Amino acid sequence: MKRFSDFANEEGQLEGGKVKLDDLLNKEVILSSFRLADSKFSRNKSGKYATVQFKYDETSRPHVFFTGSDVLIEQFEKYKTELPFVARIKKIDRYYTLG
């Protein structure tokens, strides 16, 4: 008998406690996964937002943060094949970027 997990390719929700993006600024974290969705509040060019799963270190529980930053969304899409990786999130003037 087949198991659902043998053929399903459903993407589950990203798990973890919610953290504000500004609380992560200039801290090294392990970025492990992200999901993009259409935003109800299209304040950015893409009209999307990202849910990003991360850990503070390899032994910590997963957490998530949400962002509508076009720069971060572009970086996550560009480097998605490199996930998981360690990075710092920086705020430069009015935008966020990985560093």
N, C-alpha and C. Protein backbone atom coordinates (compact mmCIF):
# COMPACT_ATOMS: atom_id res chain seq x y z
N MET A 1 0.84 -1.17 0.00
CA MET A 1 0.00 0.00 0.00
C MET A 1 0.89 1.24 0.00
N LYS A 2 0.55 2.23 -0.81
CA LYS A 2 1.31 3.48 -0.87
C LYS A 2 1.06 4.31 0.39
N ARG A 3 2.09 5.07 0.74
CA ARG A 3 1.96 6.05 1.82
C ARG A 3 1.87 7.43 1.18
N PHE A 4 1.10 8.29 1.80
CA PHE A 4 0.95 9.65 1.30
C PHE A 4 2.31 10.31 1.11
N SER A 5 3.22 10.10 2.05
CA SER A 5 4.54 10.73 2.00
C SER A 5 5.39 10.23 0.84
N ASP A 6 5.03 9.09 0.24
CA ASP A 6 5.79 8.56 -0.89
C ASP A 6 5.55 9.35 -2.18
N PHE A 7 4.40 9.97 -2.31
CA PHE A 7 4.09 10.65 -3.57
C PHE A 7 3.72 12.12 -3.41
N ALA A 8 3.41 12.56 -2.23
CA ALA A 8 2.98 13.95 -2.03
C ALA A 8 4.18 14.88 -2.03
N ASN A 9 3.98 16.02 -2.61
CA ASN A 9 5.02 17.04 -2.58
C ASN A 9 4.48 18.34 -2.00
N GLU A 10 3.60 18.20 -1.01
CA GLU A 10 3.03 19.34 -0.33
C GLU A 10 4.11 20.06 0.47
N GLU A 11 4.09 21.37 0.40
CA GLU A 11 5.00 22.15 1.23
C GLU A 11 4.29 22.50 2.52
N GLY A 12 4.85 22.05 3.63
CA GLY A 12 4.24 22.34 4.92
C GLY A 12 4.53 23.76 5.37
N GLN A 13 3.83 24.15 6.39
CA GLN A 13 4.06 25.46 6.98
C GLN A 13 5.42 25.45 7.68
N LEU A 14 6.05 26.60 7.70
CA LEU A 14 7.30 26.72 8.42
C LEU A 14 6.99 26.88 9.90
N GLU A 15 7.64 26.07 10.72
CA GLU A 15 7.37 26.06 12.15
C GLU A 15 8.34 26.95 12.90
N GLY A 16 7.90 27.38 14.07
CA GLY A 16 8.79 28.12 14.95
C GLY A 16 8.11 29.32 15.55
N GLY A 17 8.69 29.76 16.66
CA GLY A 17 8.19 30.96 17.30
C GLY A 17 8.49 32.19 16.47
N LYS A 18 7.59 33.15 16.48
CA LYS A 18 7.76 34.36 15.69
C LYS A 18 8.73 35.32 16.37
N VAL A 19 9.60 35.90 15.55
CA VAL A 19 10.58 36.87 16.02
C VAL A 19 10.51 38.09 15.11
N LYS A 20 10.61 39.27 15.66
CA LYS A 20 10.63 40.49 14.84
C LYS A 20 11.97 40.60 14.14
N LEU A 21 11.93 41.01 12.89
CA LEU A 21 13.14 41.13 12.09
C LEU A 21 14.15 42.06 12.74
N ASP A 22 13.69 43.16 13.30
CA ASP A 22 14.61 44.12 13.93
C ASP A 22 15.34 43.52 15.13
N ASP A 23 14.78 42.48 15.75
CA ASP A 23 15.46 41.82 16.87
C ASP A 23 16.63 40.96 16.41
N LEU A 24 16.72 40.71 15.10
CA LEU A 24 17.79 39.87 14.55
C LEU A 24 18.94 40.67 13.94
N LEU A 25 18.79 41.98 13.87
CA LEU A 25 19.78 42.79 13.18
C LEU A 25 21.18 42.57 13.74
N ASN A 26 22.13 42.35 12.83
CA ASN A 26 23.56 42.20 13.12
C ASN A 26 23.89 40.98 13.96
N LYS A 27 22.97 40.02 14.05
CA LYS A 27 23.25 38.76 14.75
C LYS A 27 23.41 37.66 13.70
N GLU A 28 24.38 36.78 13.91
CA GLU A 28 24.52 35.63 13.01
C GLU A 28 23.44 34.61 13.32
N VAL A 29 22.73 34.17 12.28
CA VAL A 29 21.70 33.15 12.40
C VAL A 29 21.86 32.16 11.26
N ILE A 30 21.28 31.00 11.43
CA ILE A 30 21.29 29.97 10.39
C ILE A 30 19.95 30.07 9.66
N LEU A 31 19.97 30.52 8.43
CA LEU A 31 18.77 30.63 7.61
C LEU A 31 18.55 29.28 6.95
N SER A 32 17.40 28.67 7.18
CA SER A 32 17.21 27.29 6.71
C SER A 32 16.17 27.13 5.61
N SER A 33 15.14 27.99 5.58
CA SER A 33 14.10 27.83 4.58
C SER A 33 13.28 29.10 4.48
N PHE A 34 12.57 29.25 3.37
CA PHE A 34 11.68 30.39 3.23
C PHE A 34 10.52 30.04 2.30
N ARG A 35 9.45 30.78 2.43
CA ARG A 35 8.27 30.64 1.56
C ARG A 35 7.84 32.04 1.15
N LEU A 36 7.44 32.17 -0.10
CA LEU A 36 6.92 33.45 -0.59
C LEU A 36 5.41 33.35 -0.77
N ALA A 37 4.74 34.45 -0.52
CA ALA A 37 3.29 34.52 -0.71
C ALA A 37 2.93 35.94 -1.14
N ASP A 38 1.77 36.07 -1.75
CA ASP A 38 1.28 37.39 -2.14
C ASP A 38 0.89 38.17 -0.89
N SER A 39 1.27 39.43 -0.87
CA SER A 39 0.99 40.28 0.28
C SER A 39 -0.36 40.98 0.11
N LYS A 40 -1.08 41.12 1.19
CA LYS A 40 -2.33 41.89 1.18
C LYS A 40 -2.02 43.39 1.13
N PHE A 41 -0.84 43.74 1.64
CA PHE A 41 -0.42 45.13 1.72
C PHE A 41 0.80 45.31 0.81
N SER A 42 0.58 45.57 -0.45
CA SER A 42 1.71 45.63 -1.38
C SER A 42 2.42 46.99 -1.28
N ARG A 43 3.26 47.09 -0.27
CA ARG A 43 4.05 48.30 -0.07
C ARG A 43 5.40 48.18 -0.77
N ASN A 44 5.69 47.01 -1.32
CA ASN A 44 6.95 46.81 -2.00
C ASN A 44 6.70 46.56 -3.48
N LYS A 45 7.78 46.54 -4.27
CA LYS A 45 7.65 46.37 -5.71
C LYS A 45 7.12 44.99 -6.09
N SER A 46 7.55 43.97 -5.39
CA SER A 46 7.19 42.60 -5.76
C SER A 46 5.75 42.24 -5.41
N GLY A 47 5.17 42.91 -4.41
CA GLY A 47 3.83 42.57 -3.96
C GLY A 47 3.81 41.27 -3.17
N LYS A 48 4.98 40.81 -2.72
CA LYS A 48 5.10 39.55 -1.99
C LYS A 48 5.69 39.80 -0.60
N TYR A 49 5.57 38.78 0.22
CA TYR A 49 6.28 38.77 1.50
C TYR A 49 6.90 37.39 1.69
N ALA A 50 7.90 37.32 2.54
CA ALA A 50 8.59 36.06 2.80
C ALA A 50 8.41 35.66 4.26
N THR A 51 8.18 34.38 4.46
CA THR A 51 8.25 33.77 5.79
C THR A 51 9.58 33.03 5.80
N VAL A 52 10.44 33.36 6.73
CA VAL A 52 11.79 32.81 6.76
C VAL A 52 11.99 32.02 8.05
N GLN A 53 12.46 30.79 7.90
CA GLN A 53 12.74 29.95 9.06
C GLN A 53 14.24 30.01 9.35
N PHE A 54 14.58 30.12 10.62
CA PHE A 54 15.98 30.23 11.02
C PHE A 54 16.18 29.63 12.40
N LYS A 55 17.45 29.44 12.74
CA LYS A 55 17.86 29.04 14.09
C LYS A 55 18.95 29.97 14.56
N TYR A 56 19.03 30.17 15.87
CA TYR A 56 20.11 30.99 16.42
C TYR A 56 21.44 30.25 16.37
N ASP A 57 21.40 28.93 16.53
CA ASP A 57 22.59 28.08 16.39
C ASP A 57 22.10 26.68 16.05
N GLU A 58 23.02 25.75 15.84
CA GLU A 58 22.64 24.42 15.37
C GLU A 58 21.81 23.62 16.37
N THR A 59 21.88 23.97 17.64
CA THR A 59 21.14 23.21 18.65
C THR A 59 19.82 23.87 19.07
N SER A 60 19.58 25.08 18.60
CA SER A 60 18.35 25.77 19.03
C SER A 60 17.14 25.34 18.21
N ARG A 61 15.98 25.66 18.73
CA ARG A 61 14.72 25.36 18.05
C ARG A 61 14.55 26.32 16.88
N PRO A 62 13.77 25.94 15.86
CA PRO A 62 13.53 26.86 14.75
C PRO A 62 12.61 28.01 15.15
N HIS A 63 12.81 29.14 14.49
CA HIS A 63 11.99 30.33 14.65
C HIS A 63 11.66 30.84 13.25
N VAL A 64 10.73 31.76 13.16
CA VAL A 64 10.39 32.38 11.87
C VAL A 64 10.30 33.89 12.03
N PHE A 65 10.59 34.58 10.91
CA PHE A 65 10.30 36.01 10.82
C PHE A 65 9.66 36.27 9.47
N PHE A 66 8.99 37.40 9.38
CA PHE A 66 8.28 37.78 8.16
C PHE A 66 8.89 39.07 7.64
N THR A 67 8.99 39.18 6.31
CA THR A 67 9.52 40.40 5.73
C THR A 67 8.92 40.66 4.35
N GLY A 68 8.75 41.93 4.06
CA GLY A 68 8.33 42.35 2.72
C GLY A 68 9.48 43.04 2.00
N SER A 69 10.68 42.93 2.54
CA SER A 69 11.85 43.58 1.95
C SER A 69 12.16 42.99 0.58
N ASP A 70 12.08 43.84 -0.45
CA ASP A 70 12.40 43.37 -1.80
C ASP A 70 13.84 42.87 -1.91
N VAL A 71 14.76 43.55 -1.22
CA VAL A 71 16.17 43.14 -1.27
C VAL A 71 16.33 41.75 -0.67
N LEU A 72 15.77 41.52 0.52
CA LEU A 72 15.88 40.20 1.14
C LEU A 72 15.19 39.13 0.29
N ILE A 73 14.01 39.43 -0.25
CA ILE A 73 13.30 38.46 -1.07
C ILE A 73 14.13 38.08 -2.29
N GLU A 74 14.74 39.07 -2.95
CA GLU A 74 15.61 38.79 -4.10
C GLU A 74 16.81 37.94 -3.70
N GLN A 75 17.41 38.24 -2.55
CA GLN A 75 18.56 37.46 -2.09
C GLN A 75 18.16 36.03 -1.75
N PHE A 76 17.03 35.83 -1.10
CA PHE A 76 16.58 34.48 -0.79
C PHE A 76 16.32 33.69 -2.06
N GLU A 77 15.69 34.30 -3.05
CA GLU A 77 15.43 33.59 -4.30
C GLU A 77 16.74 33.27 -5.04
N LYS A 78 17.67 34.21 -5.04
CA LYS A 78 18.94 34.03 -5.75
C LYS A 78 19.79 32.93 -5.13
N TYR A 79 19.79 32.83 -3.80
CA TYR A 79 20.67 31.89 -3.10
C TYR A 79 19.93 30.72 -2.47
N LYS A 80 18.71 30.42 -2.93
CA LYS A 80 17.92 29.35 -2.30
C LYS A 80 18.58 27.99 -2.41
N THR A 81 19.39 27.75 -3.43
CA THR A 81 20.06 26.45 -3.55
C THR A 81 21.20 26.30 -2.54
N GLU A 82 21.59 27.38 -1.90
CA GLU A 82 22.67 27.34 -0.91
C GLU A 82 22.14 27.11 0.51
N LEU A 83 20.83 27.18 0.70
CA LEU A 83 20.25 26.98 2.03
C LEU A 83 20.52 25.59 2.55
N PRO A 84 20.78 25.40 3.82
CA PRO A 84 20.91 26.40 4.88
C PRO A 84 22.28 27.07 4.85
N PHE A 85 22.34 28.31 5.32
CA PHE A 85 23.61 29.02 5.44
C PHE A 85 23.53 30.02 6.60
N VAL A 86 24.70 30.44 7.05
CA VAL A 86 24.81 31.40 8.15
C VAL A 86 24.94 32.79 7.56
N ALA A 87 24.19 33.74 8.11
CA ALA A 87 24.26 35.13 7.62
C ALA A 87 23.85 36.08 8.74
N ARG A 88 24.17 37.35 8.51
CA ARG A 88 23.70 38.43 9.37
C ARG A 88 22.71 39.24 8.55
N ILE A 89 21.69 39.73 9.21
CA ILE A 89 20.75 40.62 8.56
C ILE A 89 21.10 42.03 8.99
N LYS A 90 21.33 42.88 8.01
CA LYS A 90 21.74 44.25 8.30
C LYS A 90 20.68 45.22 7.78
N LYS A 91 20.59 46.34 8.43
CA LYS A 91 19.71 47.41 7.96
C LYS A 91 20.59 48.56 7.53
N ILE A 92 20.49 48.90 6.25
CA ILE A 92 21.26 50.00 5.69
C ILE A 92 20.27 51.06 5.22
N ASP A 93 20.33 52.20 5.86
CA ASP A 93 19.34 53.26 5.62
C ASP A 93 17.94 52.71 5.80
N ARG A 94 17.19 52.56 4.69
CA ARG A 94 15.80 52.12 4.80
C ARG A 94 15.56 50.72 4.28
N TYR A 95 16.61 49.93 4.06
CA TYR A 95 16.38 48.57 3.56
C TYR A 95 17.22 47.55 4.31
N TYR A 96 16.76 46.30 4.24
CA TYR A 96 17.45 45.19 4.89
C TYR A 96 18.23 44.40 3.84
N THR A 97 19.36 43.81 4.26
CA THR A 97 20.16 43.00 3.35
C THR A 97 20.88 41.92 4.16
N LEU A 98 21.28 40.86 3.46
CA LEU A 98 22.09 39.82 4.09
C LEU A 98 23.54 40.21 4.03
N GLY A 99 24.28 39.86 5.05
CA GLY A 99 25.70 40.18 5.07
C GLY A 99 26.48 39.10 5.76
